[in-house]
């Protein structure tokens, strides 16, 4: 692929993701959270409700210091808690509280409905599949060096990701760069639980 086709393709992909995120934020998809706060809760939900911050950072659009400050705020709001890591008295694990789990699920369901409405109005199901295929191919071509692998198929609806999971584990998904379309049935809404 030459620069005359690669650069416009990248720009279209990036601008579509920015446009969609602005739409989701303007529609208050993540309320009462910000999209980044939701991404933290969502990422924790993907790994069984708890993870070390160092394992979360590669999958978020936050630096380690920013994540630490956000975890402090979310913990003060009663959505997260810090725990000592099992078998390692020095390590700290961040975990969702019951309140955090409930809020993540409620916001996730609303967000999936919004994704479904936008994608269904703009793309056919065949285009959903093609977009997912292209994004997966791009993701596979550019692995994150420090990312912890996931045990189940996954991607997320925030920060350019939507996820599916058949298994809950403590590993995290690779980062993707564009939203993966949801079909809008109950299974799609359940993926954010």
N, C-alpha and C. Protein backbone atom coordinates (compact mmCIF):
# COMPACT_ATOMS: atom_id res chain seq x y z
N UNK A 1 0.86 -1.18 0.00
CA UNK A 1 0.00 0.00 0.00
C UNK A 1 0.90 1.23 0.00
N UNK A 2 0.57 2.20 -0.80
CA UNK A 2 1.40 3.40 -0.89
C UNK A 2 0.89 4.47 0.07
N UNK A 3 1.71 5.48 0.27
CA UNK A 3 1.35 6.59 1.16
C UNK A 3 0.13 7.34 0.63
N UNK A 4 -0.07 7.32 -0.68
CA UNK A 4 -1.22 8.04 -1.24
C UNK A 4 -2.55 7.37 -0.91
N UNK A 5 -2.51 6.09 -0.57
CA UNK A 5 -3.75 5.41 -0.15
C UNK A 5 -3.76 5.13 1.36
N UNK A 6 -2.60 4.86 1.96
CA UNK A 6 -2.54 4.54 3.38
C UNK A 6 -2.92 5.74 4.25
N UNK A 7 -2.37 6.91 3.95
CA UNK A 7 -2.65 8.10 4.77
C UNK A 7 -4.12 8.48 4.75
N UNK A 8 -4.79 8.54 3.58
CA UNK A 8 -6.22 8.85 3.60
C UNK A 8 -7.06 7.78 4.31
N UNK A 9 -6.66 6.51 4.19
CA UNK A 9 -7.39 5.45 4.88
C UNK A 9 -7.26 5.62 6.39
N UNK A 10 -6.05 5.89 6.87
CA UNK A 10 -5.84 6.13 8.30
C UNK A 10 -6.64 7.34 8.76
N UNK A 11 -6.59 8.41 8.00
CA UNK A 11 -7.32 9.63 8.40
C UNK A 11 -8.82 9.36 8.47
N UNK A 12 -9.36 8.62 7.53
CA UNK A 12 -10.79 8.30 7.55
C UNK A 12 -11.14 7.46 8.78
N UNK A 13 -10.31 6.47 9.08
CA UNK A 13 -10.53 5.62 10.24
C UNK A 13 -10.47 6.44 11.53
N UNK A 14 -9.44 7.25 11.67
CA UNK A 14 -9.26 8.07 12.87
C UNK A 14 -10.39 9.08 13.02
N UNK A 15 -10.74 9.77 11.96
CA UNK A 15 -11.80 10.78 12.04
C UNK A 15 -13.16 10.14 12.31
N UNK A 16 -13.41 8.95 11.78
CA UNK A 16 -14.67 8.26 12.07
C UNK A 16 -14.73 7.92 13.56
N UNK A 17 -13.63 7.43 14.12
CA UNK A 17 -13.60 7.09 15.54
C UNK A 17 -13.82 8.34 16.39
N UNK A 18 -13.17 9.44 16.07
CA UNK A 18 -13.34 10.69 16.81
C UNK A 18 -14.78 11.18 16.69
N UNK A 19 -15.33 11.13 15.49
CA UNK A 19 -16.71 11.57 15.27
C UNK A 19 -17.69 10.74 16.10
N UNK A 20 -17.51 9.42 16.08
CA UNK A 20 -18.39 8.54 16.85
C UNK A 20 -18.26 8.79 18.35
N UNK A 21 -17.04 8.93 18.85
CA UNK A 21 -16.86 9.19 20.28
C UNK A 21 -17.49 10.52 20.68
N UNK A 22 -17.35 11.54 19.84
CA UNK A 22 -17.99 12.82 20.14
C UNK A 22 -19.51 12.68 20.18
N UNK A 23 -20.06 11.89 19.26
CA UNK A 23 -21.50 11.64 19.26
C UNK A 23 -21.92 10.92 20.54
N UNK A 24 -21.19 9.87 20.92
CA UNK A 24 -21.53 9.11 22.12
C UNK A 24 -21.43 9.99 23.37
N UNK A 25 -20.42 10.83 23.42
CA UNK A 25 -20.26 11.72 24.57
C UNK A 25 -21.36 12.78 24.59
N UNK A 26 -21.69 13.37 23.43
CA UNK A 26 -22.76 14.37 23.37
C UNK A 26 -24.12 13.76 23.71
N UNK A 27 -24.29 12.50 23.39
CA UNK A 27 -25.54 11.79 23.71
C UNK A 27 -25.58 11.32 25.16
N UNK A 28 -24.53 11.59 25.91
CA UNK A 28 -24.44 11.22 27.34
C UNK A 28 -24.47 9.71 27.54
N UNK A 29 -23.89 8.98 26.59
CA UNK A 29 -23.84 7.51 26.70
C UNK A 29 -23.20 7.06 28.01
N UNK A 30 -22.21 7.78 28.49
CA UNK A 30 -21.41 7.32 29.62
C UNK A 30 -21.84 7.94 30.95
N UNK A 31 -22.83 8.83 30.91
CA UNK A 31 -23.27 9.53 32.13
C UNK A 31 -23.70 8.54 33.19
N UNK A 32 -23.31 8.75 34.41
CA UNK A 32 -22.69 9.93 35.02
C UNK A 32 -21.17 9.93 34.95
N UNK A 33 -20.59 9.04 34.17
CA UNK A 33 -19.14 8.93 34.03
C UNK A 33 -18.65 9.67 32.79
N UNK A 34 -17.36 9.89 32.71
CA UNK A 34 -16.74 10.30 31.45
C UNK A 34 -16.44 9.03 30.66
N UNK A 35 -16.14 9.17 29.38
CA UNK A 35 -15.83 7.98 28.57
C UNK A 35 -14.59 7.28 29.11
N UNK A 36 -13.62 8.01 29.61
CA UNK A 36 -12.39 7.39 30.14
C UNK A 36 -12.66 6.68 31.47
N UNK A 37 -13.52 7.25 32.29
CA UNK A 37 -13.89 6.57 33.53
C UNK A 37 -14.61 5.26 33.21
N UNK A 38 -15.53 5.34 32.25
CA UNK A 38 -16.23 4.12 31.85
C UNK A 38 -15.25 3.09 31.30
N UNK A 39 -14.27 3.53 30.54
CA UNK A 39 -13.29 2.61 29.97
C UNK A 39 -12.54 1.86 31.07
N UNK A 40 -12.23 2.55 32.17
CA UNK A 40 -11.56 1.89 33.29
C UNK A 40 -12.48 0.82 33.89
N UNK A 41 -13.74 1.17 34.15
CA UNK A 41 -14.68 0.19 34.70
C UNK A 41 -14.88 -0.97 33.75
N UNK A 42 -15.02 -0.65 32.45
CA UNK A 42 -15.22 -1.68 31.44
C UNK A 42 -14.02 -2.62 31.36
N UNK A 43 -12.82 -2.06 31.37
CA UNK A 43 -11.61 -2.87 31.29
C UNK A 43 -11.53 -3.81 32.50
N UNK A 44 -11.85 -3.30 33.67
CA UNK A 44 -11.86 -4.17 34.85
C UNK A 44 -12.91 -5.27 34.72
N UNK A 45 -14.05 -4.94 34.17
CA UNK A 45 -15.10 -5.96 34.00
C UNK A 45 -14.64 -7.06 33.06
N UNK A 46 -13.79 -6.72 32.10
CA UNK A 46 -13.28 -7.68 31.12
C UNK A 46 -12.33 -8.69 31.75
N UNK A 47 -11.75 -8.34 32.89
CA UNK A 47 -10.78 -9.25 33.51
C UNK A 47 -11.32 -9.78 34.83
N UNK A 48 -12.62 -10.01 34.89
CA UNK A 48 -13.21 -10.63 36.06
C UNK A 48 -13.44 -9.69 37.22
N UNK A 49 -13.29 -8.39 37.00
CA UNK A 49 -13.57 -7.40 38.02
C UNK A 49 -12.37 -6.86 38.75
N UNK A 50 -11.18 -7.39 38.49
CA UNK A 50 -9.99 -6.92 39.19
C UNK A 50 -8.75 -7.11 38.32
N UNK A 51 -7.79 -6.19 38.46
CA UNK A 51 -6.53 -6.29 37.71
C UNK A 51 -5.50 -5.35 38.34
N UNK A 52 -4.25 -5.62 38.06
CA UNK A 52 -3.18 -4.70 38.44
C UNK A 52 -3.21 -3.53 37.45
N UNK A 53 -2.91 -2.35 37.94
CA UNK A 53 -2.94 -1.17 37.06
C UNK A 53 -1.93 -1.30 35.93
N UNK A 54 -0.78 -1.86 36.20
CA UNK A 54 0.23 -1.99 35.13
C UNK A 54 -0.29 -2.85 33.98
N UNK A 55 -1.20 -3.80 34.27
CA UNK A 55 -1.77 -4.63 33.23
C UNK A 55 -2.90 -3.93 32.48
N UNK A 56 -3.50 -2.93 33.13
CA UNK A 56 -4.60 -2.19 32.49
C UNK A 56 -4.10 -1.09 31.56
N UNK A 57 -3.00 -0.45 31.91
CA UNK A 57 -2.53 0.74 31.20
C UNK A 57 -2.40 0.57 29.69
N UNK A 58 -1.87 -0.54 29.18
CA UNK A 58 -1.74 -0.65 27.72
C UNK A 58 -3.08 -0.66 26.98
N UNK A 59 -4.17 -0.89 27.69
CA UNK A 59 -5.48 -1.03 27.07
C UNK A 59 -6.35 0.20 27.23
N UNK A 60 -5.79 1.22 27.82
CA UNK A 60 -6.53 2.46 28.08
C UNK A 60 -5.83 3.62 27.42
N UNK A 61 -6.56 4.69 27.21
CA UNK A 61 -5.97 5.91 26.66
C UNK A 61 -5.52 6.82 27.80
N UNK A 62 -4.84 6.23 28.77
CA UNK A 62 -4.37 6.95 29.95
C UNK A 62 -2.94 6.51 30.27
N UNK A 63 -2.14 7.43 30.77
CA UNK A 63 -0.81 7.09 31.26
C UNK A 63 -0.97 6.45 32.64
N UNK A 64 0.07 5.80 33.12
CA UNK A 64 0.03 5.18 34.45
C UNK A 64 -0.29 6.22 35.54
N UNK A 65 0.36 7.41 35.55
CA UNK A 65 0.01 8.39 36.59
C UNK A 65 -1.45 8.87 36.48
N UNK A 66 -1.93 9.06 35.26
CA UNK A 66 -3.33 9.48 35.08
C UNK A 66 -4.29 8.39 35.54
N UNK A 67 -3.96 7.14 35.24
CA UNK A 67 -4.80 6.02 35.69
C UNK A 67 -4.82 5.97 37.21
N UNK A 68 -3.69 6.17 37.84
CA UNK A 68 -3.62 6.13 39.30
C UNK A 68 -4.52 7.20 39.91
N UNK A 69 -4.48 8.41 39.37
CA UNK A 69 -5.35 9.50 39.87
C UNK A 69 -6.81 9.17 39.62
N UNK A 70 -7.13 8.60 38.45
CA UNK A 70 -8.51 8.25 38.15
C UNK A 70 -9.00 7.15 39.08
N UNK A 71 -8.16 6.16 39.36
CA UNK A 71 -8.53 5.09 40.29
C UNK A 71 -8.82 5.69 41.66
N UNK A 72 -8.01 6.65 42.09
CA UNK A 72 -8.27 7.31 43.37
C UNK A 72 -9.64 7.97 43.38
N UNK A 73 -9.99 8.67 42.31
CA UNK A 73 -11.30 9.35 42.22
C UNK A 73 -12.45 8.34 42.19
N UNK A 74 -12.30 7.29 41.39
CA UNK A 74 -13.35 6.27 41.29
C UNK A 74 -13.49 5.50 42.61
N UNK A 75 -12.39 5.31 43.31
CA UNK A 75 -12.45 4.66 44.63
C UNK A 75 -13.15 5.57 45.63
N UNK A 76 -12.86 6.87 45.58
CA UNK A 76 -13.53 7.83 46.47
C UNK A 76 -15.04 7.86 46.21
N UNK A 77 -15.44 7.58 44.98
CA UNK A 77 -16.86 7.53 44.63
C UNK A 77 -17.50 6.18 44.94
N UNK A 78 -16.70 5.25 45.45
CA UNK A 78 -17.23 3.94 45.83
C UNK A 78 -17.39 2.96 44.68
N UNK A 79 -16.75 3.24 43.53
CA UNK A 79 -16.88 2.36 42.36
C UNK A 79 -15.77 1.33 42.27
N UNK A 80 -14.62 1.63 42.87
CA UNK A 80 -13.45 0.75 42.86
C UNK A 80 -12.88 0.66 44.26
N UNK A 81 -12.04 -0.36 44.45
CA UNK A 81 -11.26 -0.46 45.68
C UNK A 81 -9.89 -1.02 45.33
N UNK A 82 -8.92 -0.68 46.15
CA UNK A 82 -7.58 -1.23 46.00
C UNK A 82 -7.44 -2.40 46.96
N UNK A 83 -6.79 -3.49 46.49
CA UNK A 83 -6.57 -4.68 47.31
C UNK A 83 -5.11 -5.11 47.17
N UNK A 84 -4.62 -5.78 48.17
CA UNK A 84 -3.29 -6.37 48.08
C UNK A 84 -3.40 -7.60 47.19
N UNK A 85 -2.44 -7.75 46.28
CA UNK A 85 -2.46 -8.88 45.35
C UNK A 85 -2.21 -10.19 46.09
N UNK A 86 -2.98 -11.20 45.75
CA UNK A 86 -2.78 -12.53 46.35
C UNK A 86 -1.39 -13.04 46.02
N UNK A 87 -0.72 -13.58 47.03
CA UNK A 87 0.60 -14.17 46.81
C UNK A 87 1.71 -13.16 46.62
N UNK A 88 1.40 -11.87 46.68
CA UNK A 88 2.41 -10.84 46.47
C UNK A 88 2.05 -9.64 47.34
N UNK A 89 2.56 -9.59 48.52
CA UNK A 89 2.22 -8.53 49.47
C UNK A 89 2.58 -7.14 49.00
N UNK A 90 3.40 -7.04 47.96
CA UNK A 90 3.79 -5.72 47.45
C UNK A 90 2.85 -5.20 46.38
N UNK A 91 2.23 -6.08 45.63
CA UNK A 91 1.40 -5.68 44.51
C UNK A 91 0.02 -5.21 44.94
N UNK A 92 -0.54 -4.31 44.14
CA UNK A 92 -1.88 -3.79 44.40
C UNK A 92 -2.77 -4.12 43.20
N UNK A 93 -3.96 -4.60 43.51
CA UNK A 93 -4.96 -4.90 42.50
C UNK A 93 -6.10 -3.90 42.67
N UNK A 94 -6.63 -3.43 41.55
CA UNK A 94 -7.79 -2.55 41.55
C UNK A 94 -8.99 -3.42 41.23
N UNK A 95 -10.06 -3.27 42.02
CA UNK A 95 -11.23 -4.13 41.84
C UNK A 95 -12.51 -3.30 41.82
N UNK A 96 -13.47 -3.74 41.00
CA UNK A 96 -14.79 -3.12 40.99
C UNK A 96 -15.52 -3.45 42.28
N UNK A 97 -16.23 -2.48 42.83
CA UNK A 97 -17.13 -2.74 43.94
C UNK A 97 -18.47 -3.17 43.35
N UNK A 98 -19.39 -3.61 44.19
CA UNK A 98 -20.73 -3.97 43.69
C UNK A 98 -21.37 -2.77 43.00
N UNK A 99 -21.19 -1.60 43.57
CA UNK A 99 -21.73 -0.37 42.96
C UNK A 99 -21.07 -0.11 41.59
N UNK A 100 -19.77 -0.35 41.50
CA UNK A 100 -19.06 -0.18 40.23
C UNK A 100 -19.53 -1.15 39.17
N UNK A 101 -19.77 -2.40 39.57
CA UNK A 101 -20.28 -3.41 38.63
C UNK A 101 -21.64 -2.99 38.11
N UNK A 102 -22.53 -2.57 39.00
CA UNK A 102 -23.89 -2.18 38.60
C UNK A 102 -23.86 -0.99 37.65
N UNK A 103 -23.04 0.02 37.95
CA UNK A 103 -22.97 1.21 37.10
C UNK A 103 -22.37 0.86 35.74
N UNK A 104 -21.33 0.05 35.72
CA UNK A 104 -20.71 -0.34 34.45
C UNK A 104 -21.71 -1.06 33.57
N UNK A 105 -22.50 -1.94 34.14
CA UNK A 105 -23.49 -2.68 33.36
C UNK A 105 -24.58 -1.75 32.82
N UNK A 106 -25.06 -0.86 33.66
CA UNK A 106 -26.13 0.05 33.24
C UNK A 106 -25.65 0.97 32.11
N UNK A 107 -24.49 1.55 32.29
CA UNK A 107 -23.93 2.44 31.26
C UNK A 107 -23.61 1.63 30.00
N UNK A 108 -23.07 0.43 30.16
CA UNK A 108 -22.72 -0.41 29.02
C UNK A 108 -23.93 -0.76 28.17
N UNK A 109 -25.05 -1.08 28.80
CA UNK A 109 -26.27 -1.39 28.04
C UNK A 109 -26.72 -0.19 27.22
N UNK A 110 -26.70 0.98 27.84
CA UNK A 110 -27.11 2.20 27.12
C UNK A 110 -26.17 2.46 25.95
N UNK A 111 -24.88 2.28 26.18
CA UNK A 111 -23.89 2.54 25.13
C UNK A 111 -24.06 1.57 23.96
N UNK A 112 -24.33 0.31 24.24
CA UNK A 112 -24.53 -0.67 23.16
C UNK A 112 -25.77 -0.30 22.34
N UNK A 113 -26.82 0.16 22.99
CA UNK A 113 -28.01 0.59 22.23
C UNK A 113 -27.66 1.77 21.32
N UNK A 114 -26.84 2.68 21.81
CA UNK A 114 -26.42 3.83 21.00
C UNK A 114 -25.55 3.39 19.82
N UNK A 115 -24.61 2.49 20.07
CA UNK A 115 -23.76 1.96 19.00
C UNK A 115 -24.62 1.29 17.94
N UNK A 116 -25.55 0.47 18.39
CA UNK A 116 -26.41 -0.26 17.48
C UNK A 116 -27.21 0.69 16.61
N UNK A 117 -27.80 1.71 17.22
CA UNK A 117 -28.58 2.68 16.46
C UNK A 117 -27.75 3.39 15.41
N UNK A 118 -26.55 3.81 15.79
CA UNK A 118 -25.69 4.51 14.84
C UNK A 118 -25.23 3.59 13.71
N UNK A 119 -24.76 2.41 14.07
CA UNK A 119 -24.24 1.51 13.05
C UNK A 119 -25.33 0.99 12.14
N UNK A 120 -26.48 0.63 12.70
CA UNK A 120 -27.56 0.11 11.87
C UNK A 120 -28.11 1.15 10.91
N UNK A 121 -28.04 2.43 11.29
CA UNK A 121 -28.54 3.48 10.40
C UNK A 121 -27.55 3.82 9.29
N UNK A 122 -26.29 3.46 9.48
CA UNK A 122 -25.26 3.84 8.51
C UNK A 122 -24.70 2.67 7.70
N UNK A 123 -24.74 1.47 8.25
CA UNK A 123 -24.08 0.34 7.62
C UNK A 123 -25.01 -0.87 7.54
N UNK A 124 -24.78 -1.68 6.53
CA UNK A 124 -25.49 -2.96 6.44
C UNK A 124 -24.80 -3.97 7.36
N UNK A 125 -25.45 -5.10 7.60
CA UNK A 125 -24.80 -6.13 8.40
C UNK A 125 -23.52 -6.63 7.74
N UNK A 126 -23.53 -6.72 6.42
CA UNK A 126 -22.33 -7.13 5.70
C UNK A 126 -21.20 -6.12 5.92
N UNK A 127 -21.54 -4.83 5.94
CA UNK A 127 -20.54 -3.80 6.20
C UNK A 127 -20.06 -3.85 7.65
N UNK A 128 -20.94 -4.18 8.60
CA UNK A 128 -20.52 -4.39 9.99
C UNK A 128 -19.42 -5.45 10.02
N UNK A 129 -19.68 -6.56 9.36
CA UNK A 129 -18.73 -7.67 9.35
C UNK A 129 -17.42 -7.28 8.67
N UNK A 130 -17.51 -6.55 7.57
CA UNK A 130 -16.30 -6.12 6.86
C UNK A 130 -15.49 -5.16 7.71
N UNK A 131 -16.15 -4.22 8.36
CA UNK A 131 -15.46 -3.28 9.24
C UNK A 131 -14.77 -4.03 10.37
N UNK A 132 -15.46 -4.97 10.98
CA UNK A 132 -14.86 -5.77 12.05
C UNK A 132 -13.65 -6.54 11.53
N UNK A 133 -13.78 -7.12 10.34
CA UNK A 133 -12.66 -7.87 9.75
C UNK A 133 -11.46 -6.97 9.51
N UNK A 134 -11.68 -5.80 8.95
CA UNK A 134 -10.58 -4.87 8.66
C UNK A 134 -9.92 -4.41 9.96
N UNK A 135 -10.73 -4.05 10.95
CA UNK A 135 -10.17 -3.58 12.23
C UNK A 135 -9.38 -4.68 12.93
N UNK A 136 -9.89 -5.90 12.88
CA UNK A 136 -9.18 -7.02 13.49
C UNK A 136 -7.86 -7.26 12.77
N UNK A 137 -7.87 -7.13 11.47
CA UNK A 137 -6.64 -7.31 10.68
C UNK A 137 -5.61 -6.23 11.04
N UNK A 138 -6.06 -4.98 11.18
CA UNK A 138 -5.16 -3.91 11.58
C UNK A 138 -4.61 -4.16 12.98
N UNK A 139 -5.47 -4.58 13.87
CA UNK A 139 -5.06 -4.85 15.25
C UNK A 139 -4.01 -5.96 15.28
N UNK A 140 -4.22 -7.00 14.52
CA UNK A 140 -3.29 -8.12 14.49
C UNK A 140 -1.94 -7.73 13.92
N UNK A 141 -1.93 -6.75 13.03
CA UNK A 141 -0.69 -6.32 12.39
C UNK A 141 0.12 -5.39 13.28
N UNK A 142 -0.50 -4.88 14.35
CA UNK A 142 0.18 -3.91 15.21
C UNK A 142 -0.02 -4.26 16.68
N UNK A 143 0.55 -5.38 17.14
CA UNK A 143 0.34 -5.79 18.54
C UNK A 143 1.02 -4.82 19.51
N UNK A 144 0.43 -4.70 20.68
CA UNK A 144 1.02 -3.91 21.75
C UNK A 144 2.06 -4.79 22.43
N UNK A 145 3.27 -4.29 22.55
CA UNK A 145 4.34 -5.09 23.10
C UNK A 145 4.12 -5.47 24.56
N UNK A 146 3.54 -4.55 25.35
CA UNK A 146 3.41 -4.81 26.78
C UNK A 146 2.04 -5.32 27.18
N UNK A 147 1.18 -5.59 26.21
CA UNK A 147 -0.19 -6.00 26.54
C UNK A 147 -0.24 -7.43 27.06
N UNK A 148 -1.07 -7.62 28.05
CA UNK A 148 -1.33 -8.95 28.58
C UNK A 148 -2.38 -9.59 27.68
N UNK A 149 -2.15 -10.82 27.21
CA UNK A 149 -3.13 -11.44 26.31
C UNK A 149 -4.44 -11.77 27.03
N UNK A 150 -5.50 -11.84 26.26
CA UNK A 150 -6.80 -12.20 26.82
C UNK A 150 -7.06 -13.66 26.57
N UNK A 151 -7.90 -14.25 27.41
CA UNK A 151 -8.23 -15.67 27.27
C UNK A 151 -9.43 -15.89 26.38
N UNK A 152 -10.18 -14.85 26.07
CA UNK A 152 -11.39 -14.98 25.25
C UNK A 152 -11.40 -13.86 24.24
N UNK A 153 -12.17 -14.02 23.15
CA UNK A 153 -12.30 -12.99 22.14
C UNK A 153 -12.79 -11.71 22.81
N UNK A 154 -12.12 -10.59 22.54
CA UNK A 154 -12.55 -9.36 23.19
C UNK A 154 -12.13 -8.13 22.42
N UNK A 155 -12.94 -7.12 22.53
CA UNK A 155 -12.64 -5.76 22.10
C UNK A 155 -13.62 -4.90 22.91
N UNK A 156 -13.56 -3.54 23.07
CA UNK A 156 -14.45 -2.74 23.95
C UNK A 156 -15.12 -1.58 23.25
N UNK A 157 -16.25 -1.15 23.69
CA UNK A 157 -17.00 -0.12 22.99
C UNK A 157 -16.56 1.29 23.30
N UNK A 158 -15.66 1.48 24.13
CA UNK A 158 -15.23 2.82 24.46
C UNK A 158 -13.79 2.98 24.04
N UNK A 159 -13.41 4.20 23.72
CA UNK A 159 -12.07 4.41 23.25
C UNK A 159 -11.83 3.63 21.98
N UNK A 160 -12.89 3.39 21.23
CA UNK A 160 -12.76 2.68 19.98
C UNK A 160 -12.82 1.18 20.08
N UNK A 161 -13.49 0.62 21.08
CA UNK A 161 -13.56 -0.83 21.20
C UNK A 161 -14.97 -1.24 21.59
N UNK A 162 -15.39 -2.42 21.16
CA UNK A 162 -16.61 -3.09 21.64
C UNK A 162 -16.18 -4.49 21.99
N UNK A 163 -16.66 -5.11 23.02
CA UNK A 163 -16.14 -6.44 23.36
C UNK A 163 -17.19 -7.52 23.32
N UNK A 164 -16.67 -8.72 23.14
CA UNK A 164 -17.42 -9.97 23.27
C UNK A 164 -16.57 -10.84 24.16
N UNK A 165 -17.21 -11.59 25.00
CA UNK A 165 -16.43 -12.50 25.83
C UNK A 165 -17.23 -13.74 26.13
N UNK A 166 -16.60 -14.87 25.92
CA UNK A 166 -17.24 -16.12 26.29
C UNK A 166 -16.68 -16.62 27.61
N UNK A 167 -15.65 -15.96 28.11
CA UNK A 167 -14.99 -16.41 29.32
C UNK A 167 -14.46 -15.19 30.04
N UNK A 168 -14.55 -15.19 31.35
CA UNK A 168 -13.96 -14.11 32.14
C UNK A 168 -12.62 -14.60 32.63
N UNK A 169 -11.61 -13.77 32.47
CA UNK A 169 -10.29 -14.12 32.96
C UNK A 169 -9.65 -12.91 33.57
N UNK A 170 -8.37 -13.01 33.91
CA UNK A 170 -7.69 -11.87 34.49
C UNK A 170 -6.82 -11.19 33.45
N UNK A 171 -6.82 -11.67 32.24
CA UNK A 171 -6.05 -11.05 31.18
C UNK A 171 -6.92 -10.03 30.46
N UNK A 172 -6.28 -9.14 29.73
CA UNK A 172 -6.97 -8.05 29.08
C UNK A 172 -6.92 -8.15 27.57
N UNK A 173 -7.85 -7.47 26.87
CA UNK A 173 -7.86 -7.51 25.41
C UNK A 173 -6.77 -6.65 24.82
N UNK A 174 -6.39 -6.96 23.60
CA UNK A 174 -5.52 -6.07 22.85
C UNK A 174 -6.30 -4.80 22.55
N UNK A 175 -5.62 -3.72 22.37
CA UNK A 175 -6.23 -2.43 22.05
C UNK A 175 -6.63 -2.42 20.60
N UNK A 176 -7.81 -1.92 20.29
CA UNK A 176 -8.23 -1.74 18.91
C UNK A 176 -8.38 -0.27 18.65
N UNK A 177 -8.47 0.11 17.38
CA UNK A 177 -8.49 1.53 17.06
C UNK A 177 -9.84 2.03 16.58
N UNK A 178 -10.80 1.16 16.32
CA UNK A 178 -12.11 1.63 15.89
C UNK A 178 -13.19 0.80 16.53
N UNK A 179 -14.40 1.36 16.62
CA UNK A 179 -15.49 0.58 17.20
C UNK A 179 -15.84 -0.64 16.37
N UNK A 180 -16.10 -1.73 17.04
CA UNK A 180 -16.59 -2.92 16.37
C UNK A 180 -18.10 -2.90 16.50
N UNK A 181 -18.83 -3.04 15.41
CA UNK A 181 -20.28 -2.89 15.46
C UNK A 181 -20.96 -3.95 16.29
N UNK A 182 -22.01 -3.54 16.95
CA UNK A 182 -22.86 -4.46 17.71
C UNK A 182 -24.12 -4.71 16.91
N UNK A 183 -24.72 -5.90 17.08
CA UNK A 183 -25.92 -6.23 16.32
C UNK A 183 -27.19 -5.74 16.99
N UNK A 184 -27.12 -5.42 18.28
CA UNK A 184 -28.28 -4.85 18.94
C UNK A 184 -29.20 -5.84 19.62
N UNK A 185 -28.93 -7.12 19.58
CA UNK A 185 -29.78 -8.04 20.30
C UNK A 185 -29.33 -8.10 21.75
N UNK A 186 -30.05 -8.85 22.57
CA UNK A 186 -29.74 -8.88 23.99
C UNK A 186 -28.34 -9.39 24.28
N UNK A 187 -27.83 -10.30 23.46
CA UNK A 187 -26.47 -10.81 23.68
C UNK A 187 -25.48 -9.69 23.57
N UNK A 188 -25.70 -8.75 22.64
CA UNK A 188 -24.79 -7.63 22.50
C UNK A 188 -24.83 -6.74 23.73
N UNK A 189 -26.02 -6.51 24.27
CA UNK A 189 -26.11 -5.70 25.48
C UNK A 189 -25.46 -6.41 26.65
N UNK A 190 -25.58 -7.72 26.72
CA UNK A 190 -25.00 -8.48 27.82
C UNK A 190 -23.48 -8.45 27.79
N UNK A 191 -22.88 -8.15 26.66
CA UNK A 191 -21.42 -8.15 26.60
C UNK A 191 -20.81 -7.08 27.49
N UNK A 192 -21.58 -6.12 27.90
CA UNK A 192 -21.05 -5.08 28.78
C UNK A 192 -21.32 -5.37 30.23
N UNK A 193 -21.75 -6.57 30.54
CA UNK A 193 -22.01 -6.96 31.93
C UNK A 193 -20.86 -7.74 32.48
